[in-house]
N, C-alpha and C. Protein backbone atom coordinates (compact mmCIF):
# COMPACT_ATOMS: atom_id res chain seq x y z
N MET A 1 -7.67 -32.63 -58.11
CA MET A 1 -7.71 -31.23 -58.60
C MET A 1 -9.03 -30.66 -58.60
N LYS A 2 -10.12 -31.51 -59.16
CA LYS A 2 -11.47 -30.94 -59.17
C LYS A 2 -11.99 -30.75 -57.84
N LYS A 3 -11.64 -31.66 -56.87
CA LYS A 3 -12.05 -31.48 -55.54
C LYS A 3 -11.56 -30.16 -54.92
N ALA A 4 -10.33 -29.84 -55.18
CA ALA A 4 -9.79 -28.57 -54.60
C ALA A 4 -10.44 -27.40 -55.23
N VAL A 5 -10.75 -27.46 -56.57
CA VAL A 5 -11.41 -26.35 -57.21
C VAL A 5 -12.88 -26.15 -56.59
N MET A 6 -13.56 -27.26 -56.44
CA MET A 6 -14.92 -27.12 -55.88
C MET A 6 -14.87 -26.56 -54.44
N ILE A 7 -13.95 -27.07 -53.72
CA ILE A 7 -13.89 -26.52 -52.22
C ILE A 7 -13.65 -25.10 -52.23
N LEU A 8 -12.68 -24.73 -53.12
CA LEU A 8 -12.33 -23.25 -53.18
C LEU A 8 -13.46 -22.40 -53.74
N LEU A 9 -14.26 -22.93 -54.69
CA LEU A 9 -15.46 -22.18 -55.20
C LEU A 9 -16.49 -22.04 -54.05
N LEU A 10 -16.73 -23.14 -53.35
CA LEU A 10 -17.63 -23.16 -52.23
C LEU A 10 -17.25 -22.10 -51.21
N MET A 11 -15.99 -22.11 -50.80
CA MET A 11 -15.49 -21.06 -49.80
C MET A 11 -15.73 -19.58 -50.25
N ILE A 12 -15.44 -19.39 -51.61
CA ILE A 12 -15.69 -18.00 -52.06
C ILE A 12 -17.06 -17.60 -52.09
N LEU A 13 -18.02 -18.57 -52.50
CA LEU A 13 -19.39 -18.27 -52.54
C LEU A 13 -19.93 -18.00 -51.05
N MET A 14 -19.46 -18.83 -50.14
CA MET A 14 -19.96 -18.53 -48.78
C MET A 14 -19.38 -17.36 -48.13
N GLY A 15 -18.26 -16.85 -48.59
CA GLY A 15 -17.60 -15.62 -48.18
C GLY A 15 -18.31 -14.45 -48.76
N CYS A 16 -19.10 -14.62 -49.96
CA CYS A 16 -19.72 -13.48 -50.52
C CYS A 16 -21.18 -13.15 -49.88
N GLN A 17 -21.65 -14.07 -49.09
CA GLN A 17 -22.91 -13.82 -48.40
C GLN A 17 -22.75 -12.78 -47.47
N SER A 18 -23.60 -11.67 -47.60
CA SER A 18 -23.47 -10.60 -46.56
C SER A 18 -24.65 -10.75 -45.70
N GLN A 19 -24.48 -11.27 -44.48
CA GLN A 19 -25.47 -11.41 -43.40
C GLN A 19 -25.31 -10.29 -42.53
N SER A 20 -26.01 -9.11 -42.66
CA SER A 20 -25.98 -8.04 -41.74
C SER A 20 -26.70 -8.38 -40.45
N GLU A 21 -26.30 -7.73 -39.36
CA GLU A 21 -27.05 -7.94 -38.12
C GLU A 21 -28.05 -6.79 -37.95
N PHE A 22 -29.03 -7.02 -37.18
CA PHE A 22 -29.98 -6.01 -36.88
C PHE A 22 -29.57 -5.25 -35.75
N ILE A 23 -29.93 -3.92 -35.76
CA ILE A 23 -29.51 -3.08 -34.64
C ILE A 23 -30.81 -2.23 -34.35
N TYR A 24 -30.93 -1.83 -33.06
CA TYR A 24 -31.98 -1.12 -32.59
C TYR A 24 -32.15 0.28 -33.29
N TRP A 25 -33.28 0.63 -33.71
CA TRP A 25 -33.44 1.87 -34.28
C TRP A 25 -34.33 2.76 -33.51
N THR A 26 -35.58 2.43 -33.08
CA THR A 26 -36.63 3.30 -32.26
C THR A 26 -37.58 2.41 -31.72
N ASP A 27 -38.46 3.04 -30.91
CA ASP A 27 -39.63 2.34 -30.54
C ASP A 27 -40.71 2.37 -31.64
N VAL A 28 -41.54 1.47 -31.55
CA VAL A 28 -42.58 1.34 -32.68
C VAL A 28 -43.45 2.42 -32.60
N THR A 29 -43.67 3.08 -33.77
CA THR A 29 -44.65 4.19 -34.00
C THR A 29 -45.24 3.84 -35.45
N GLU A 30 -46.49 4.24 -35.48
CA GLU A 30 -47.10 4.01 -36.96
C GLU A 30 -46.49 4.74 -38.00
N ASN A 31 -45.88 5.96 -37.60
CA ASN A 31 -45.17 6.78 -38.64
C ASN A 31 -43.85 6.20 -39.03
N GLN A 32 -42.93 5.61 -38.15
CA GLN A 32 -41.89 5.06 -38.50
C GLN A 32 -42.01 3.71 -39.38
N ILE A 33 -43.04 3.02 -39.05
CA ILE A 33 -43.35 1.72 -39.79
C ILE A 33 -43.72 2.06 -41.17
N GLN A 34 -44.55 3.19 -41.30
CA GLN A 34 -44.95 3.55 -42.62
C GLN A 34 -43.84 4.02 -43.48
N ARG A 35 -42.96 4.88 -42.92
CA ARG A 35 -41.76 5.30 -43.60
C ARG A 35 -40.84 4.11 -44.09
N LEU A 36 -40.68 3.26 -43.24
CA LEU A 36 -39.81 1.99 -43.55
C LEU A 36 -40.47 1.16 -44.64
N ASN A 37 -41.78 1.02 -44.62
CA ASN A 37 -42.41 0.32 -45.62
C ASN A 37 -42.39 1.11 -46.95
N ASP A 38 -42.63 2.37 -46.86
CA ASP A 38 -42.56 3.17 -48.18
C ASP A 38 -41.21 3.10 -48.73
N ALA A 39 -40.17 3.09 -47.99
CA ALA A 39 -38.76 2.90 -48.42
C ALA A 39 -38.34 1.60 -48.78
N LYS A 40 -39.27 0.55 -48.62
CA LYS A 40 -38.97 -0.87 -48.92
C LYS A 40 -37.77 -1.32 -48.07
N LEU A 41 -37.58 -0.97 -46.90
CA LEU A 41 -36.47 -1.39 -46.04
C LEU A 41 -36.93 -2.51 -45.10
N LYS A 42 -36.05 -3.50 -44.98
CA LYS A 42 -36.39 -4.53 -44.09
C LYS A 42 -36.16 -4.14 -42.67
N TYR A 43 -37.10 -4.58 -41.84
CA TYR A 43 -36.90 -4.34 -40.37
C TYR A 43 -37.65 -5.41 -39.59
N GLU A 44 -37.33 -5.50 -38.29
CA GLU A 44 -38.07 -6.46 -37.35
C GLU A 44 -38.52 -5.71 -36.17
N VAL A 45 -39.72 -6.09 -35.66
CA VAL A 45 -40.32 -5.56 -34.48
C VAL A 45 -40.15 -6.55 -33.37
N ARG A 46 -39.49 -6.10 -32.37
CA ARG A 46 -39.22 -7.01 -31.15
C ARG A 46 -39.46 -6.25 -29.89
N ASP A 47 -40.45 -6.82 -29.28
CA ASP A 47 -40.83 -6.19 -27.91
C ASP A 47 -41.18 -4.67 -28.02
N GLY A 48 -41.86 -4.29 -29.12
CA GLY A 48 -42.22 -2.93 -29.16
C GLY A 48 -41.10 -1.98 -29.67
N GLN A 49 -40.05 -2.57 -30.12
CA GLN A 49 -38.84 -1.95 -30.74
C GLN A 49 -38.69 -2.26 -32.19
N VAL A 50 -38.29 -1.26 -32.96
CA VAL A 50 -37.91 -1.47 -34.39
C VAL A 50 -36.31 -1.66 -34.44
N TRP A 51 -36.13 -2.81 -35.18
CA TRP A 51 -34.87 -3.13 -35.37
C TRP A 51 -34.47 -3.30 -36.96
N ILE A 52 -33.43 -2.60 -37.28
CA ILE A 52 -33.19 -2.41 -38.75
C ILE A 52 -31.87 -3.26 -39.06
N LYS A 53 -31.56 -3.46 -40.42
CA LYS A 53 -30.31 -4.09 -40.76
C LYS A 53 -29.24 -3.01 -40.64
N GLU A 54 -28.12 -3.54 -40.12
CA GLU A 54 -27.01 -2.59 -39.98
C GLU A 54 -26.55 -1.99 -41.25
N SER A 55 -26.60 -2.83 -42.30
CA SER A 55 -26.19 -2.31 -43.60
C SER A 55 -27.11 -1.30 -44.27
N ASP A 56 -28.33 -1.24 -43.72
CA ASP A 56 -29.23 -0.15 -44.24
C ASP A 56 -29.31 1.03 -43.38
N MET A 57 -28.58 1.20 -42.38
CA MET A 57 -28.46 2.39 -41.46
C MET A 57 -28.59 3.68 -42.10
N PHE A 58 -27.66 4.01 -43.19
CA PHE A 58 -27.67 5.17 -43.94
C PHE A 58 -29.03 5.46 -44.60
N LYS A 59 -29.61 4.48 -45.29
CA LYS A 59 -30.86 4.66 -45.93
C LYS A 59 -32.01 4.96 -44.88
N VAL A 60 -31.92 4.23 -43.71
CA VAL A 60 -32.93 4.59 -42.81
C VAL A 60 -32.84 5.94 -42.17
N VAL A 61 -31.61 6.39 -41.99
CA VAL A 61 -31.47 7.70 -41.44
C VAL A 61 -31.87 8.73 -42.50
N THR A 62 -31.68 8.45 -43.77
CA THR A 62 -32.04 9.42 -44.78
C THR A 62 -33.63 9.50 -44.95
N CYS A 63 -34.32 8.28 -44.90
CA CYS A 63 -35.66 8.42 -45.20
C CYS A 63 -36.55 8.61 -43.92
N CYS A 64 -36.07 8.26 -42.74
CA CYS A 64 -36.84 8.13 -41.59
C CYS A 64 -36.54 9.10 -40.45
N SER A 65 -35.67 9.96 -40.60
CA SER A 65 -35.26 10.96 -39.53
C SER A 65 -35.99 12.20 -39.62
């Protein structure tokens, strides 16, 4: 019984992890990077392009458009 409860608990905890994917936002500009930093949003720079978390899309559009 304990083993079943532990397995169920682990499955629930793993399901709660929200790993959002990164999506292309724009080409790198100093202005865009500054706005993202000011808004404390996570992003990645890949080959001269800015990639943002899909879950942050609304926030990015609000602050950086």
